[in-house]
Amino acid sequence: MLQKRRLNTTKLLEKAFKEASILPELEQNALARWLIHEIIVEKKWERAFAESEDVLDSLADEALAEYSGGETKLLNIKLKEKRKA
């Protein structure tokens, strides 16, 4: 699960925890579950990217070589513009 280590808490995080502490218990628990989930997911993404660094480097080198060798072509992609309300 989460590692138990104490780092300096930022003022903003302290303020967030203080505000959260006055919420009803049900909302505090929901917020805590959400925060823990987000931290765990972020750590999984960090590990996945760290483990795939060599693969990503290889793919980037291959793409650059294809581009330099004239083996690529521009894609004609039209992006939808946001309409003004």
N, C-alpha and C. Protein backbone atom coordinates (compact mmCIF):
# COMPACT_ATOMS: atom_id res chain seq x y z
N MET A 1 0.83 -1.18 0.00
CA MET A 1 0.00 0.00 0.00
C MET A 1 0.88 1.25 0.00
N LEU A 2 0.49 2.28 0.68
CA LEU A 2 1.26 3.52 0.70
C LEU A 2 2.43 3.39 1.66
N GLN A 3 3.55 3.99 1.27
CA GLN A 3 4.72 3.97 2.14
C GLN A 3 4.50 4.93 3.30
N LYS A 4 5.00 4.54 4.45
CA LYS A 4 4.89 5.40 5.62
C LYS A 4 6.20 6.15 5.79
N ARG A 5 6.20 7.39 5.33
CA ARG A 5 7.36 8.25 5.52
C ARG A 5 6.85 9.66 5.69
N ARG A 6 7.54 10.41 6.47
CA ARG A 6 7.11 11.77 6.81
C ARG A 6 7.96 12.76 6.07
N LEU A 7 7.35 13.54 5.23
CA LEU A 7 8.02 14.61 4.55
C LEU A 7 7.39 15.91 5.01
N ASN A 8 8.02 17.00 4.69
CA ASN A 8 7.44 18.29 5.04
C ASN A 8 6.16 18.50 4.23
N THR A 9 5.10 18.82 4.91
CA THR A 9 3.83 19.07 4.27
C THR A 9 3.77 20.52 3.84
N THR A 10 3.30 20.75 2.61
CA THR A 10 3.19 22.12 2.13
C THR A 10 2.05 22.83 2.84
N LYS A 11 2.10 24.13 2.83
CA LYS A 11 1.04 24.94 3.44
C LYS A 11 -0.30 24.66 2.76
N LEU A 12 -0.26 24.51 1.43
CA LEU A 12 -1.50 24.26 0.70
C LEU A 12 -2.12 22.92 1.09
N LEU A 13 -1.28 21.89 1.23
CA LEU A 13 -1.80 20.59 1.63
C LEU A 13 -2.33 20.64 3.06
N GLU A 14 -1.62 21.35 3.94
CA GLU A 14 -2.11 21.52 5.30
C GLU A 14 -3.49 22.19 5.30
N LYS A 15 -3.64 23.22 4.45
CA LYS A 15 -4.93 23.92 4.36
C LYS A 15 -6.01 22.98 3.85
N ALA A 16 -5.68 22.18 2.84
CA ALA A 16 -6.65 21.23 2.29
C ALA A 16 -7.09 20.22 3.35
N PHE A 17 -6.13 19.69 4.11
CA PHE A 17 -6.47 18.73 5.17
C PHE A 17 -7.30 19.39 6.26
N LYS A 18 -6.99 20.63 6.58
CA LYS A 18 -7.76 21.35 7.60
C LYS A 18 -9.20 21.53 7.13
N GLU A 19 -9.37 21.93 5.88
CA GLU A 19 -10.72 22.10 5.33
C GLU A 19 -11.45 20.76 5.30
N ALA A 20 -10.74 19.72 4.89
CA ALA A 20 -11.36 18.39 4.81
C ALA A 20 -11.75 17.87 6.18
N SER A 21 -11.02 18.28 7.21
CA SER A 21 -11.29 17.76 8.55
C SER A 21 -12.63 18.23 9.11
N ILE A 22 -13.21 19.26 8.53
CA ILE A 22 -14.52 19.73 9.03
C ILE A 22 -15.68 19.14 8.24
N LEU A 23 -15.36 18.34 7.22
CA LEU A 23 -16.41 17.66 6.47
C LEU A 23 -17.01 16.54 7.30
N PRO A 24 -18.24 16.13 6.98
CA PRO A 24 -18.81 14.96 7.65
C PRO A 24 -17.94 13.72 7.40
N GLU A 25 -18.01 12.77 8.30
CA GLU A 25 -17.16 11.57 8.23
C GLU A 25 -17.27 10.86 6.89
N LEU A 26 -18.47 10.74 6.36
CA LEU A 26 -18.69 10.06 5.09
C LEU A 26 -17.92 10.75 3.96
N GLU A 27 -17.97 12.08 3.93
CA GLU A 27 -17.25 12.84 2.90
C GLU A 27 -15.74 12.77 3.11
N GLN A 28 -15.30 12.78 4.37
CA GLN A 28 -13.87 12.64 4.64
C GLN A 28 -13.36 11.31 4.12
N ASN A 29 -14.11 10.25 4.39
CA ASN A 29 -13.70 8.92 3.94
C ASN A 29 -13.69 8.83 2.42
N ALA A 30 -14.68 9.43 1.77
CA ALA A 30 -14.72 9.42 0.31
C ALA A 30 -13.51 10.17 -0.26
N LEU A 31 -13.21 11.31 0.32
CA LEU A 31 -12.07 12.10 -0.13
C LEU A 31 -10.76 11.32 0.10
N ALA A 32 -10.64 10.70 1.24
CA ALA A 32 -9.44 9.92 1.55
C ALA A 32 -9.27 8.76 0.58
N ARG A 33 -10.36 8.03 0.29
CA ARG A 33 -10.28 6.92 -0.67
C ARG A 33 -9.86 7.42 -2.05
N TRP A 34 -10.44 8.55 -2.47
CA TRP A 34 -10.10 9.12 -3.77
C TRP A 34 -8.62 9.51 -3.83
N LEU A 35 -8.13 10.18 -2.80
CA LEU A 35 -6.75 10.64 -2.77
C LEU A 35 -5.78 9.45 -2.78
N ILE A 36 -6.05 8.45 -1.97
CA ILE A 36 -5.20 7.27 -1.93
C ILE A 36 -5.19 6.58 -3.30
N HIS A 37 -6.36 6.45 -3.90
CA HIS A 37 -6.47 5.84 -5.23
C HIS A 37 -5.62 6.61 -6.25
N GLU A 38 -5.72 7.93 -6.24
CA GLU A 38 -4.96 8.76 -7.18
C GLU A 38 -3.45 8.60 -6.99
N ILE A 39 -3.02 8.53 -5.75
CA ILE A 39 -1.59 8.36 -5.46
C ILE A 39 -1.11 7.00 -5.97
N ILE A 40 -1.88 5.96 -5.71
CA ILE A 40 -1.51 4.61 -6.15
C ILE A 40 -1.46 4.54 -7.68
N VAL A 41 -2.46 5.10 -8.34
CA VAL A 41 -2.49 5.09 -9.81
C VAL A 41 -1.29 5.85 -10.38
N GLU A 42 -0.98 6.99 -9.80
CA GLU A 42 0.17 7.79 -10.26
C GLU A 42 1.46 7.00 -10.13
N LYS A 43 1.62 6.28 -9.01
CA LYS A 43 2.83 5.47 -8.81
C LYS A 43 2.91 4.34 -9.84
N LYS A 44 1.76 3.75 -10.18
CA LYS A 44 1.75 2.70 -11.20
C LYS A 44 2.18 3.25 -12.56
N TRP A 45 1.69 4.44 -12.92
CA TRP A 45 2.08 5.06 -14.18
C TRP A 45 3.57 5.36 -14.18
N GLU A 46 4.10 5.87 -13.08
CA GLU A 46 5.53 6.17 -12.99
C GLU A 46 6.36 4.91 -13.21
N ARG A 47 5.94 3.80 -12.57
CA ARG A 47 6.66 2.53 -12.74
C ARG A 47 6.57 2.04 -14.18
N ALA A 48 5.38 2.15 -14.77
CA ALA A 48 5.18 1.68 -16.15
C ALA A 48 6.06 2.46 -17.12
N PHE A 49 6.12 3.78 -16.95
CA PHE A 49 6.95 4.58 -17.84
C PHE A 49 8.43 4.31 -17.60
N ALA A 50 8.82 4.14 -16.36
CA ALA A 50 10.23 3.86 -16.05
C ALA A 50 10.66 2.53 -16.66
N GLU A 51 9.77 1.53 -16.60
CA GLU A 51 10.09 0.21 -17.14
C GLU A 51 10.09 0.20 -18.66
N SER A 52 9.37 1.14 -19.29
CA SER A 52 9.27 1.14 -20.75
C SER A 52 10.19 2.19 -21.38
N GLU A 53 11.07 2.79 -20.60
CA GLU A 53 11.93 3.85 -21.11
C GLU A 53 12.77 3.39 -22.29
N ASP A 54 13.37 2.20 -22.20
CA ASP A 54 14.20 1.69 -23.29
C ASP A 54 13.38 1.46 -24.55
N VAL A 55 12.18 0.93 -24.38
CA VAL A 55 11.30 0.69 -25.53
C VAL A 55 10.91 2.01 -26.17
N LEU A 56 10.55 2.99 -25.36
CA LEU A 56 10.16 4.29 -25.89
C LEU A 56 11.33 4.97 -26.61
N ASP A 57 12.54 4.86 -26.04
CA ASP A 57 13.73 5.41 -26.69
C ASP A 57 13.95 4.76 -28.06
N SER A 58 13.79 3.46 -28.11
CA SER A 58 13.97 2.72 -29.36
C SER A 58 12.94 3.15 -30.41
N LEU A 59 11.70 3.28 -29.99
CA LEU A 59 10.64 3.72 -30.91
C LEU A 59 10.88 5.14 -31.40
N ALA A 60 11.35 6.00 -30.51
CA ALA A 60 11.64 7.39 -30.90
C ALA A 60 12.79 7.42 -31.90
N ASP A 61 13.84 6.63 -31.67
CA ASP A 61 14.97 6.57 -32.60
C ASP A 61 14.52 6.07 -33.97
N GLU A 62 13.66 5.06 -33.96
CA GLU A 62 13.15 4.50 -35.21
C GLU A 62 12.32 5.54 -35.97
N ALA A 63 11.48 6.27 -35.25
CA ALA A 63 10.64 7.29 -35.88
C ALA A 63 11.50 8.41 -36.46
N LEU A 64 12.52 8.84 -35.73
CA LEU A 64 13.40 9.89 -36.22
C LEU A 64 14.18 9.44 -37.46
N ALA A 65 14.61 8.19 -37.46
CA ALA A 65 15.33 7.65 -38.61
C ALA A 65 14.43 7.59 -39.84
N GLU A 66 13.19 7.18 -39.64
CA GLU A 66 12.23 7.14 -40.75
C GLU A 66 11.95 8.54 -41.27
N TYR A 67 11.83 9.50 -40.37
CA TYR A 67 11.59 10.89 -40.78
C TYR A 67 12.79 11.43 -41.56
N SER A 68 13.99 11.20 -41.03
CA SER A 68 15.21 11.67 -41.69
C SER A 68 15.40 11.00 -43.04
N GLY A 69 14.97 9.77 -43.17
CA GLY A 69 15.10 9.03 -44.43
C GLY A 69 13.98 9.30 -45.41
N GLY A 70 13.09 10.23 -45.08
CA GLY A 70 11.99 10.57 -45.98
C GLY A 70 10.93 9.48 -46.09
N GLU A 71 10.85 8.64 -45.08
CA GLU A 71 9.91 7.53 -45.11
C GLU A 71 8.57 7.86 -44.44
N THR A 72 8.38 9.11 -44.10
CA THR A 72 7.13 9.49 -43.43
C THR A 72 6.35 10.44 -44.31
N LYS A 73 5.08 10.59 -44.00
CA LYS A 73 4.25 11.55 -44.73
C LYS A 73 3.38 12.29 -43.73
N LEU A 74 3.02 13.50 -44.09
CA LEU A 74 2.16 14.31 -43.22
C LEU A 74 0.76 13.74 -43.21
N LEU A 75 0.15 13.77 -42.07
CA LEU A 75 -1.25 13.36 -41.96
C LEU A 75 -2.12 14.59 -42.15
N ASN A 76 -3.19 14.45 -42.87
CA ASN A 76 -4.11 15.55 -43.10
C ASN A 76 -5.23 15.44 -42.07
N ILE A 77 -4.96 15.92 -40.88
CA ILE A 77 -5.93 15.83 -39.78
C ILE A 77 -6.48 17.22 -39.52
N LYS A 78 -7.79 17.33 -39.57
CA LYS A 78 -8.42 18.60 -39.26
C LYS A 78 -8.96 18.53 -37.84
N LEU A 79 -8.52 19.45 -37.03
CA LEU A 79 -8.99 19.49 -35.66
C LEU A 79 -10.26 20.31 -35.59
N LYS A 80 -11.18 19.86 -34.78
CA LYS A 80 -12.42 20.60 -34.59
C LYS A 80 -12.13 21.86 -33.80
N GLU A 81 -12.61 22.96 -34.27
CA GLU A 81 -12.44 24.22 -33.55
C GLU A 81 -13.57 24.35 -32.54
N LYS A 82 -13.22 24.91 -31.40
CA LYS A 82 -14.24 25.17 -30.39
C LYS A 82 -15.10 26.32 -30.86
N ARG A 83 -16.39 26.11 -30.79
CA ARG A 83 -17.31 27.17 -31.19
C ARG A 83 -17.54 28.12 -30.06
N LYS A 84 -17.60 29.39 -30.41
CA LYS A 84 -17.86 30.40 -29.39
C LYS A 84 -19.34 30.38 -29.03
N ALA A 85 -19.60 30.45 -27.73
CA ALA A 85 -20.99 30.39 -27.26
C ALA A 85 -21.65 31.75 -27.34
